N, C-alpha and C. Protein backbone atom coordinates (compact mmCIF):
# COMPACT_ATOMS: atom_id res chain seq x y z
N UNK A 1 -9.44 11.16 -10.26
CA UNK A 1 -9.67 12.02 -9.11
C UNK A 1 -10.23 13.35 -9.58
N UNK A 2 -10.98 14.01 -8.69
CA UNK A 2 -11.52 15.34 -8.99
C UNK A 2 -10.97 16.33 -7.99
N UNK A 3 -10.56 17.48 -8.51
CA UNK A 3 -10.09 18.58 -7.67
C UNK A 3 -11.03 19.76 -7.89
N UNK A 4 -11.49 20.34 -6.80
CA UNK A 4 -12.40 21.48 -6.85
C UNK A 4 -11.76 22.62 -6.10
N UNK A 5 -11.62 23.76 -6.77
CA UNK A 5 -11.01 24.89 -6.08
C UNK A 5 -10.86 26.10 -6.97
N UNK A 6 -9.90 26.93 -6.59
CA UNK A 6 -9.65 28.20 -7.29
C UNK A 6 -8.20 28.23 -7.71
N UNK A 7 -7.95 28.74 -8.92
CA UNK A 7 -6.58 28.88 -9.41
C UNK A 7 -5.93 30.05 -8.67
N UNK A 8 -4.79 29.77 -8.03
CA UNK A 8 -4.00 30.82 -7.39
C UNK A 8 -3.05 31.45 -8.40
N UNK A 9 -2.20 30.60 -8.98
CA UNK A 9 -1.20 31.07 -9.95
C UNK A 9 -1.03 30.01 -11.04
N UNK A 10 -0.38 30.42 -12.11
CA UNK A 10 -0.08 29.53 -13.22
C UNK A 10 1.40 29.67 -13.52
N UNK A 11 2.10 28.52 -13.57
CA UNK A 11 3.52 28.50 -13.89
C UNK A 11 3.71 27.56 -15.07
N UNK A 12 3.88 28.13 -16.27
CA UNK A 12 4.00 27.29 -17.45
C UNK A 12 2.73 26.48 -17.64
N UNK A 13 2.84 25.14 -17.62
CA UNK A 13 1.69 24.25 -17.78
C UNK A 13 1.16 23.74 -16.45
N UNK A 14 1.50 24.40 -15.35
CA UNK A 14 1.07 23.94 -14.02
C UNK A 14 0.16 24.97 -13.37
N UNK A 15 -1.01 24.49 -12.93
CA UNK A 15 -1.93 25.33 -12.16
C UNK A 15 -1.67 25.07 -10.68
N UNK A 16 -1.58 26.12 -9.90
CA UNK A 16 -1.46 26.02 -8.44
C UNK A 16 -2.81 26.45 -7.88
N UNK A 17 -3.43 25.56 -7.11
CA UNK A 17 -4.80 25.74 -6.65
C UNK A 17 -4.90 25.83 -5.14
N UNK A 18 -5.96 26.50 -4.69
CA UNK A 18 -6.44 26.34 -3.33
C UNK A 18 -7.74 25.57 -3.45
N UNK A 19 -7.78 24.39 -2.84
CA UNK A 19 -8.94 23.53 -2.93
C UNK A 19 -10.04 24.02 -1.99
N UNK A 20 -11.25 23.53 -2.18
CA UNK A 20 -12.39 23.96 -1.36
C UNK A 20 -12.16 23.78 0.12
N UNK A 21 -11.38 22.77 0.50
CA UNK A 21 -11.12 22.53 1.93
C UNK A 21 -9.93 23.33 2.45
N UNK A 22 -9.33 24.18 1.58
CA UNK A 22 -8.21 25.03 1.99
C UNK A 22 -6.85 24.44 1.67
N UNK A 23 -6.78 23.15 1.35
CA UNK A 23 -5.51 22.54 0.97
C UNK A 23 -5.01 23.14 -0.34
N UNK A 24 -3.71 23.00 -0.57
CA UNK A 24 -3.08 23.46 -1.81
C UNK A 24 -2.81 22.25 -2.70
N UNK A 25 -2.83 22.46 -4.01
CA UNK A 25 -2.52 21.39 -4.97
C UNK A 25 -1.93 22.01 -6.22
N UNK A 26 -1.14 21.22 -6.92
CA UNK A 26 -0.59 21.62 -8.22
C UNK A 26 -1.02 20.58 -9.24
N UNK A 27 -1.42 21.05 -10.42
CA UNK A 27 -1.92 20.18 -11.47
C UNK A 27 -1.25 20.55 -12.79
N UNK A 28 -0.67 19.56 -13.45
CA UNK A 28 -0.10 19.77 -14.78
C UNK A 28 -1.24 19.73 -15.79
N UNK A 29 -1.27 20.73 -16.69
CA UNK A 29 -2.31 20.81 -17.71
C UNK A 29 -1.66 20.61 -19.08
N UNK A 30 -1.80 19.40 -19.66
CA UNK A 30 -1.20 19.14 -20.97
C UNK A 30 -1.78 20.06 -22.05
N UNK A 31 -1.03 20.24 -23.11
CA UNK A 31 -1.46 21.13 -24.20
C UNK A 31 -2.80 20.69 -24.81
N UNK A 32 -3.08 19.40 -24.84
CA UNK A 32 -4.29 18.86 -25.50
C UNK A 32 -5.51 18.79 -24.58
N UNK A 33 -5.40 19.21 -23.33
CA UNK A 33 -6.50 19.02 -22.38
C UNK A 33 -7.76 19.77 -22.82
N UNK A 34 -8.93 19.17 -22.54
CA UNK A 34 -10.21 19.80 -22.87
C UNK A 34 -10.57 20.79 -21.76
N UNK A 35 -10.80 22.04 -22.15
CA UNK A 35 -11.21 23.09 -21.22
C UNK A 35 -12.61 23.52 -21.63
N UNK A 36 -13.53 23.58 -20.67
CA UNK A 36 -14.93 23.89 -20.94
C UNK A 36 -15.43 24.92 -19.94
N UNK A 37 -16.18 25.91 -20.44
CA UNK A 37 -16.84 26.85 -19.54
C UNK A 37 -18.02 26.16 -18.87
N UNK A 38 -18.22 26.44 -17.61
CA UNK A 38 -19.43 26.07 -16.89
C UNK A 38 -20.20 27.36 -16.71
N UNK A 39 -21.40 27.43 -17.28
CA UNK A 39 -22.18 28.66 -17.30
C UNK A 39 -23.44 28.52 -16.46
N UNK A 40 -23.98 29.64 -16.04
CA UNK A 40 -25.24 29.62 -15.28
C UNK A 40 -26.38 29.24 -16.22
N UNK A 41 -27.30 28.42 -15.72
CA UNK A 41 -28.50 28.03 -16.47
C UNK A 41 -29.70 28.26 -15.55
N UNK A 42 -30.86 28.01 -16.08
CA UNK A 42 -32.11 28.23 -15.35
C UNK A 42 -32.99 26.98 -15.44
N UNK A 43 -33.88 26.78 -14.47
CA UNK A 43 -34.79 25.63 -14.56
C UNK A 43 -35.58 25.61 -15.87
N UNK A 44 -35.92 26.79 -16.39
CA UNK A 44 -36.66 26.86 -17.65
C UNK A 44 -35.88 26.39 -18.86
N UNK A 45 -34.58 26.12 -18.68
CA UNK A 45 -33.76 25.62 -19.80
C UNK A 45 -33.97 24.14 -20.06
N UNK A 46 -34.74 23.47 -19.19
CA UNK A 46 -34.98 22.04 -19.41
C UNK A 46 -36.45 21.81 -19.74
N UNK A 47 -36.68 20.76 -20.49
CA UNK A 47 -38.03 20.36 -20.87
C UNK A 47 -38.01 18.85 -21.08
N UNK A 48 -39.17 18.25 -21.26
CA UNK A 48 -39.23 16.83 -21.56
C UNK A 48 -38.33 16.57 -22.76
N UNK A 49 -37.47 15.56 -22.64
CA UNK A 49 -36.54 15.21 -23.71
C UNK A 49 -35.17 15.84 -23.56
N UNK A 50 -35.00 16.81 -22.65
CA UNK A 50 -33.68 17.39 -22.41
C UNK A 50 -32.75 16.35 -21.82
N UNK A 51 -31.47 16.47 -22.11
CA UNK A 51 -30.47 15.58 -21.52
C UNK A 51 -29.80 16.34 -20.39
N UNK A 52 -29.85 15.79 -19.17
CA UNK A 52 -29.32 16.48 -18.00
C UNK A 52 -28.46 15.54 -17.17
N UNK A 53 -27.78 16.11 -16.20
CA UNK A 53 -27.08 15.36 -15.18
C UNK A 53 -27.40 16.00 -13.84
N UNK A 54 -27.36 15.22 -12.79
CA UNK A 54 -27.59 15.79 -11.47
C UNK A 54 -26.81 15.04 -10.41
N UNK A 55 -26.08 15.79 -9.62
CA UNK A 55 -25.50 15.23 -8.40
C UNK A 55 -26.61 15.29 -7.37
N UNK A 56 -26.79 14.20 -6.64
CA UNK A 56 -27.94 14.12 -5.75
C UNK A 56 -27.64 13.21 -4.57
N UNK A 57 -28.52 13.29 -3.57
CA UNK A 57 -28.47 12.45 -2.38
C UNK A 57 -29.74 11.61 -2.36
N UNK A 58 -29.59 10.32 -2.08
CA UNK A 58 -30.76 9.45 -2.00
C UNK A 58 -31.56 9.78 -0.74
N UNK A 59 -32.88 9.85 -0.91
CA UNK A 59 -33.79 10.11 0.19
C UNK A 59 -34.32 8.78 0.73
N UNK A 60 -34.90 8.77 1.93
CA UNK A 60 -35.38 7.52 2.53
C UNK A 60 -36.37 6.75 1.65
N UNK A 61 -37.15 7.46 0.83
CA UNK A 61 -38.14 6.77 -0.02
C UNK A 61 -37.55 6.24 -1.32
N UNK A 62 -36.22 6.37 -1.50
CA UNK A 62 -35.56 5.86 -2.69
C UNK A 62 -35.42 6.87 -3.81
N UNK A 63 -36.13 8.00 -3.73
CA UNK A 63 -35.95 9.05 -4.73
C UNK A 63 -34.65 9.79 -4.43
N UNK A 64 -34.27 10.66 -5.34
CA UNK A 64 -33.07 11.47 -5.15
C UNK A 64 -33.46 12.91 -4.89
N UNK A 65 -32.63 13.63 -4.12
CA UNK A 65 -32.77 15.07 -3.92
C UNK A 65 -31.57 15.73 -4.56
N UNK A 66 -31.82 16.53 -5.59
CA UNK A 66 -30.74 17.16 -6.37
C UNK A 66 -29.95 18.15 -5.54
N UNK A 67 -28.64 18.13 -5.72
CA UNK A 67 -27.74 19.13 -5.17
C UNK A 67 -27.43 20.19 -6.21
N UNK A 68 -27.53 19.81 -7.47
CA UNK A 68 -27.32 20.68 -8.62
C UNK A 68 -27.88 19.98 -9.84
N UNK A 69 -28.10 20.74 -10.92
CA UNK A 69 -28.58 20.17 -12.18
C UNK A 69 -27.74 20.73 -13.31
N UNK A 70 -27.23 19.83 -14.16
CA UNK A 70 -26.45 20.21 -15.34
C UNK A 70 -27.32 20.04 -16.57
N UNK A 71 -27.47 21.09 -17.36
CA UNK A 71 -28.25 21.06 -18.58
C UNK A 71 -27.25 20.91 -19.73
N UNK A 72 -27.21 19.73 -20.32
CA UNK A 72 -26.23 19.47 -21.37
C UNK A 72 -26.71 20.03 -22.71
N UNK A 73 -25.81 20.65 -23.48
CA UNK A 73 -26.18 21.05 -24.84
C UNK A 73 -26.35 19.80 -25.69
N UNK A 74 -27.06 19.91 -26.81
CA UNK A 74 -27.31 18.74 -27.66
C UNK A 74 -26.03 17.97 -28.04
N UNK A 75 -24.93 18.68 -28.22
CA UNK A 75 -23.68 18.02 -28.61
C UNK A 75 -23.14 17.08 -27.52
N UNK A 76 -23.64 17.21 -26.28
CA UNK A 76 -23.17 16.37 -25.18
C UNK A 76 -24.17 15.28 -24.79
N UNK A 77 -25.24 15.13 -25.58
CA UNK A 77 -26.23 14.08 -25.28
C UNK A 77 -25.53 12.73 -25.20
N UNK A 78 -25.79 12.00 -24.12
CA UNK A 78 -25.20 10.68 -23.94
C UNK A 78 -23.96 10.66 -23.05
N UNK A 79 -23.39 11.83 -22.75
CA UNK A 79 -22.18 11.88 -21.91
C UNK A 79 -22.50 11.32 -20.52
N UNK A 80 -21.74 10.34 -20.10
CA UNK A 80 -21.86 9.79 -18.75
C UNK A 80 -23.22 9.21 -18.42
N UNK A 81 -23.95 8.73 -19.42
CA UNK A 81 -25.31 8.24 -19.18
C UNK A 81 -25.32 7.14 -18.12
N UNK A 82 -26.26 7.23 -17.20
CA UNK A 82 -26.41 6.24 -16.15
C UNK A 82 -26.42 6.87 -14.78
N UNK A 83 -26.38 6.05 -13.75
CA UNK A 83 -26.38 6.52 -12.38
C UNK A 83 -25.29 5.77 -11.62
N UNK A 84 -24.48 6.51 -10.86
CA UNK A 84 -23.34 5.92 -10.17
C UNK A 84 -22.98 6.76 -8.95
N UNK A 85 -22.18 6.21 -8.04
CA UNK A 85 -21.71 7.00 -6.90
C UNK A 85 -20.90 8.20 -7.38
N UNK A 86 -20.93 9.27 -6.57
CA UNK A 86 -20.20 10.50 -6.90
C UNK A 86 -19.58 11.04 -5.63
N UNK A 87 -18.64 11.94 -5.76
CA UNK A 87 -17.87 12.38 -4.60
C UNK A 87 -18.12 13.82 -4.16
N UNK A 88 -19.23 14.42 -4.56
CA UNK A 88 -19.46 15.81 -4.17
C UNK A 88 -19.90 15.93 -2.71
N UNK A 89 -20.51 14.88 -2.18
CA UNK A 89 -20.95 14.85 -0.77
C UNK A 89 -21.02 13.39 -0.36
N UNK A 90 -20.92 13.10 0.93
CA UNK A 90 -21.05 11.70 1.37
C UNK A 90 -22.37 11.09 0.90
N UNK A 91 -22.29 9.91 0.29
CA UNK A 91 -23.48 9.21 -0.18
C UNK A 91 -24.09 9.78 -1.45
N UNK A 92 -23.40 10.70 -2.13
CA UNK A 92 -23.98 11.32 -3.32
C UNK A 92 -23.84 10.42 -4.55
N UNK A 93 -24.70 10.70 -5.52
CA UNK A 93 -24.69 9.99 -6.80
C UNK A 93 -24.63 11.02 -7.93
N UNK A 94 -24.29 10.54 -9.12
CA UNK A 94 -24.40 11.35 -10.34
C UNK A 94 -25.29 10.55 -11.27
N UNK A 95 -26.35 11.18 -11.74
CA UNK A 95 -27.27 10.53 -12.67
C UNK A 95 -27.39 11.40 -13.92
N UNK A 96 -27.07 10.82 -15.07
CA UNK A 96 -27.18 11.52 -16.35
C UNK A 96 -28.18 10.77 -17.21
N UNK A 97 -29.12 11.51 -17.80
CA UNK A 97 -30.12 10.88 -18.65
C UNK A 97 -31.08 11.89 -19.24
N UNK A 98 -32.14 11.38 -19.82
CA UNK A 98 -33.13 12.18 -20.52
C UNK A 98 -34.33 12.43 -19.62
N UNK A 99 -34.83 13.67 -19.64
CA UNK A 99 -36.02 14.01 -18.86
C UNK A 99 -37.22 13.32 -19.49
N UNK A 100 -37.87 12.47 -18.70
CA UNK A 100 -39.08 11.79 -19.16
C UNK A 100 -40.33 12.54 -18.76
N UNK A 101 -40.33 13.08 -17.54
CA UNK A 101 -41.48 13.86 -17.07
C UNK A 101 -41.01 14.87 -16.05
N UNK A 102 -41.84 15.92 -15.88
CA UNK A 102 -41.54 16.98 -14.91
C UNK A 102 -42.84 17.37 -14.24
N UNK A 103 -42.79 17.46 -12.90
CA UNK A 103 -43.94 17.93 -12.12
C UNK A 103 -43.41 19.05 -11.24
N UNK A 104 -44.07 20.21 -11.27
CA UNK A 104 -43.64 21.35 -10.45
C UNK A 104 -44.64 21.65 -9.36
N UNK A 105 -44.22 21.46 -8.11
CA UNK A 105 -45.00 21.83 -6.93
C UNK A 105 -43.98 21.97 -5.80
N UNK A 106 -43.76 23.20 -5.31
CA UNK A 106 -42.77 23.43 -4.26
C UNK A 106 -41.44 22.77 -4.66
N UNK A 107 -40.88 23.20 -5.78
CA UNK A 107 -39.72 22.55 -6.37
C UNK A 107 -40.23 21.72 -7.54
N UNK A 108 -39.39 20.91 -8.11
CA UNK A 108 -39.79 20.07 -9.24
C UNK A 108 -39.39 18.64 -8.99
N UNK A 109 -40.16 17.72 -9.54
CA UNK A 109 -39.77 16.32 -9.54
C UNK A 109 -39.59 15.91 -10.99
N UNK A 110 -38.40 15.39 -11.29
CA UNK A 110 -38.05 14.98 -12.64
C UNK A 110 -37.91 13.47 -12.69
N UNK A 111 -38.32 12.88 -13.79
CA UNK A 111 -38.01 11.49 -14.05
C UNK A 111 -36.87 11.51 -15.06
N UNK A 112 -35.74 10.95 -14.66
CA UNK A 112 -34.55 10.91 -15.52
C UNK A 112 -34.36 9.47 -15.97
N UNK A 113 -34.44 9.25 -17.29
CA UNK A 113 -34.31 7.90 -17.82
C UNK A 113 -32.95 7.74 -18.49
N UNK A 114 -32.41 6.54 -18.37
CA UNK A 114 -31.12 6.21 -18.98
C UNK A 114 -31.15 4.73 -19.32
N UNK A 115 -30.21 4.31 -20.16
CA UNK A 115 -30.17 2.91 -20.57
C UNK A 115 -30.11 2.04 -19.31
N UNK A 116 -31.11 1.20 -19.14
CA UNK A 116 -31.13 0.27 -18.01
C UNK A 116 -31.84 0.79 -16.77
N UNK A 117 -32.42 1.99 -16.80
CA UNK A 117 -33.11 2.43 -15.59
C UNK A 117 -33.67 3.83 -15.66
N UNK A 118 -34.20 4.26 -14.54
CA UNK A 118 -34.70 5.62 -14.38
C UNK A 118 -34.67 5.98 -12.90
N UNK A 119 -34.59 7.28 -12.64
CA UNK A 119 -34.60 7.78 -11.27
C UNK A 119 -35.58 8.94 -11.19
N UNK A 120 -36.28 9.02 -10.06
CA UNK A 120 -37.10 10.19 -9.75
C UNK A 120 -36.23 11.12 -8.92
N UNK A 121 -36.16 12.38 -9.33
CA UNK A 121 -35.28 13.36 -8.69
C UNK A 121 -36.09 14.57 -8.27
N UNK A 122 -36.09 14.86 -6.98
CA UNK A 122 -36.71 16.08 -6.47
C UNK A 122 -35.68 17.19 -6.56
N UNK A 123 -36.05 18.30 -7.19
CA UNK A 123 -35.17 19.46 -7.35
C UNK A 123 -35.75 20.60 -6.51
N UNK A 124 -35.20 20.81 -5.30
CA UNK A 124 -35.72 21.90 -4.46
C UNK A 124 -35.50 23.26 -5.11
N UNK A 125 -36.35 24.21 -4.78
CA UNK A 125 -36.12 25.58 -5.23
C UNK A 125 -34.74 26.04 -4.76
N UNK A 126 -34.05 26.78 -5.59
CA UNK A 126 -32.74 27.33 -5.23
C UNK A 126 -31.56 26.46 -5.59
N UNK A 127 -31.80 25.24 -6.08
CA UNK A 127 -30.69 24.38 -6.49
C UNK A 127 -30.02 25.01 -7.71
N UNK A 128 -28.68 25.05 -7.76
CA UNK A 128 -28.02 25.66 -8.92
C UNK A 128 -28.19 24.83 -10.19
N UNK A 129 -28.42 25.52 -11.30
CA UNK A 129 -28.48 24.93 -12.63
C UNK A 129 -27.30 25.48 -13.42
N UNK A 130 -26.60 24.59 -14.13
CA UNK A 130 -25.45 25.01 -14.94
C UNK A 130 -25.53 24.36 -16.31
N UNK A 131 -24.78 24.93 -17.25
CA UNK A 131 -24.65 24.35 -18.58
C UNK A 131 -23.20 24.48 -19.02
N UNK A 132 -22.92 24.11 -20.25
CA UNK A 132 -21.56 24.04 -20.76
C UNK A 132 -21.41 24.86 -22.03
N UNK A 133 -20.22 25.43 -22.24
CA UNK A 133 -19.91 26.15 -23.46
C UNK A 133 -18.43 25.93 -23.78
N UNK A 134 -18.08 25.96 -25.04
CA UNK A 134 -16.68 25.75 -25.41
C UNK A 134 -15.77 26.81 -24.80
N UNK A 135 -14.59 26.40 -24.43
CA UNK A 135 -13.56 27.31 -23.91
C UNK A 135 -12.21 26.80 -24.40
N UNK A 136 -11.18 27.54 -24.08
CA UNK A 136 -9.82 27.10 -24.37
C UNK A 136 -8.94 27.49 -23.19
N UNK A 137 -7.66 27.28 -23.32
CA UNK A 137 -6.73 27.50 -22.21
C UNK A 137 -6.72 28.94 -21.71
N UNK A 138 -7.18 29.89 -22.50
CA UNK A 138 -7.21 31.28 -22.03
C UNK A 138 -8.19 31.45 -20.88
N UNK A 139 -9.11 30.49 -20.68
CA UNK A 139 -10.06 30.54 -19.54
C UNK A 139 -9.34 30.24 -18.23
N UNK A 140 -8.15 29.66 -18.29
CA UNK A 140 -7.40 29.29 -17.08
C UNK A 140 -6.63 30.51 -16.59
N UNK A 141 -7.24 31.24 -15.66
CA UNK A 141 -6.67 32.47 -15.13
C UNK A 141 -6.70 32.44 -13.61
N UNK A 142 -5.81 33.20 -12.97
CA UNK A 142 -5.87 33.29 -11.51
C UNK A 142 -7.27 33.73 -11.05
N UNK A 143 -7.70 33.14 -9.97
CA UNK A 143 -9.01 33.38 -9.33
C UNK A 143 -10.17 32.67 -10.01
N UNK A 144 -9.93 31.95 -11.12
CA UNK A 144 -11.01 31.19 -11.75
C UNK A 144 -11.33 29.97 -10.88
N UNK A 145 -12.61 29.69 -10.73
CA UNK A 145 -13.07 28.51 -10.01
C UNK A 145 -13.10 27.33 -10.98
N UNK A 146 -12.54 26.20 -10.56
CA UNK A 146 -12.40 25.07 -11.46
C UNK A 146 -12.82 23.76 -10.81
N UNK A 147 -13.20 22.82 -11.66
CA UNK A 147 -13.37 21.43 -11.29
C UNK A 147 -12.51 20.67 -12.30
N UNK A 148 -11.53 19.95 -11.79
CA UNK A 148 -10.56 19.28 -12.65
C UNK A 148 -10.66 17.77 -12.46
N UNK A 149 -10.86 17.05 -13.56
CA UNK A 149 -10.76 15.59 -13.55
C UNK A 149 -9.31 15.29 -13.89
N UNK A 150 -8.65 14.50 -13.05
CA UNK A 150 -7.22 14.30 -13.19
C UNK A 150 -6.82 12.88 -12.80
N UNK A 151 -5.57 12.57 -13.08
CA UNK A 151 -4.98 11.31 -12.64
C UNK A 151 -3.69 11.62 -11.90
N UNK A 152 -3.37 10.75 -10.93
CA UNK A 152 -2.13 10.90 -10.17
C UNK A 152 -1.17 9.79 -10.60
N UNK A 153 0.03 10.18 -11.03
CA UNK A 153 1.06 9.22 -11.43
C UNK A 153 1.72 8.63 -10.18
N UNK A 154 2.42 7.50 -10.33
CA UNK A 154 3.12 6.90 -9.18
C UNK A 154 4.08 7.85 -8.47
N UNK A 155 4.64 8.83 -9.21
CA UNK A 155 5.55 9.79 -8.59
C UNK A 155 4.83 10.93 -7.88
N UNK A 156 3.47 10.89 -7.89
CA UNK A 156 2.69 11.91 -7.20
C UNK A 156 2.23 13.05 -8.09
N UNK A 157 2.73 13.14 -9.31
CA UNK A 157 2.33 14.21 -10.23
C UNK A 157 0.85 14.05 -10.59
N UNK A 158 0.10 15.15 -10.50
CA UNK A 158 -1.31 15.16 -10.85
C UNK A 158 -1.43 15.83 -12.22
N UNK A 159 -2.08 15.14 -13.16
CA UNK A 159 -2.23 15.65 -14.52
C UNK A 159 -3.71 15.75 -14.86
N UNK A 160 -4.12 16.91 -15.37
CA UNK A 160 -5.51 17.15 -15.74
C UNK A 160 -5.89 16.37 -16.98
N UNK A 161 -7.08 15.75 -16.94
CA UNK A 161 -7.68 15.12 -18.12
C UNK A 161 -8.70 16.06 -18.76
N UNK A 162 -9.37 16.87 -17.93
CA UNK A 162 -10.31 17.88 -18.40
C UNK A 162 -10.46 18.92 -17.30
N UNK A 163 -10.83 20.13 -17.72
CA UNK A 163 -10.99 21.23 -16.77
C UNK A 163 -12.31 21.96 -17.06
N UNK A 164 -13.17 22.05 -16.05
CA UNK A 164 -14.36 22.90 -16.12
C UNK A 164 -14.03 24.19 -15.40
N UNK A 165 -14.31 25.32 -16.06
CA UNK A 165 -14.01 26.64 -15.50
C UNK A 165 -15.32 27.40 -15.33
N UNK A 166 -15.59 27.85 -14.12
CA UNK A 166 -16.79 28.65 -13.88
C UNK A 166 -16.69 29.99 -14.56
N UNK A 167 -17.62 30.26 -15.47
CA UNK A 167 -17.62 31.53 -16.20
C UNK A 167 -18.15 32.65 -15.31
N UNK A 168 -17.52 33.81 -15.39
CA UNK A 168 -17.94 34.99 -14.63
C UNK A 168 -18.00 34.74 -13.13
N UNK A 169 -17.03 33.97 -12.60
CA UNK A 169 -16.95 33.74 -11.17
C UNK A 169 -17.79 32.58 -10.65
N UNK A 170 -18.53 31.91 -11.52
CA UNK A 170 -19.36 30.79 -11.11
C UNK A 170 -18.50 29.72 -10.43
N UNK A 171 -18.97 29.22 -9.31
CA UNK A 171 -18.30 28.12 -8.62
C UNK A 171 -18.98 26.83 -9.05
N UNK A 172 -18.22 25.90 -9.68
CA UNK A 172 -18.86 24.63 -10.09
C UNK A 172 -19.52 23.95 -8.89
N UNK A 173 -20.85 23.73 -8.97
CA UNK A 173 -21.56 23.17 -7.81
C UNK A 173 -21.45 21.65 -7.67
N UNK A 174 -20.88 21.00 -8.68
CA UNK A 174 -20.81 19.54 -8.59
C UNK A 174 -19.48 19.06 -8.12
């Protein structure tokens, strides 16, 4: 499961959140959990051969319209490669792969290739671009915007598997 929201308070190893829809949630953060900064990026940070990810909506012609673009650092090449359903919006997908081509005219159209396929992705002007940087548990502070990948135990306890923290107030767009 994914939780998107803002940290209200921290009690020991538990984050208390207000989710994007206004609901409240508590998440246990184990000592070994991976914490990563989500940083602002720019369209100019990508080029042919860059490894990216994009949450997108399928358009009537079969292409995708990006909701956001993630520019992965070289150390993350291959993470989540492929295209699959995603939960950021109804009918959304997540596609991770290598930029094969880029055409810029009133936004950009990218060809994203991955093992077993490729997708054409239209990136409208103004779509947020983000990247990743190492962080640690000190990034988990009240008012930080987070995206948490977690699991729910049979007793209802939610435990974080990884935490993305928006650096400098950034709200994770995915």
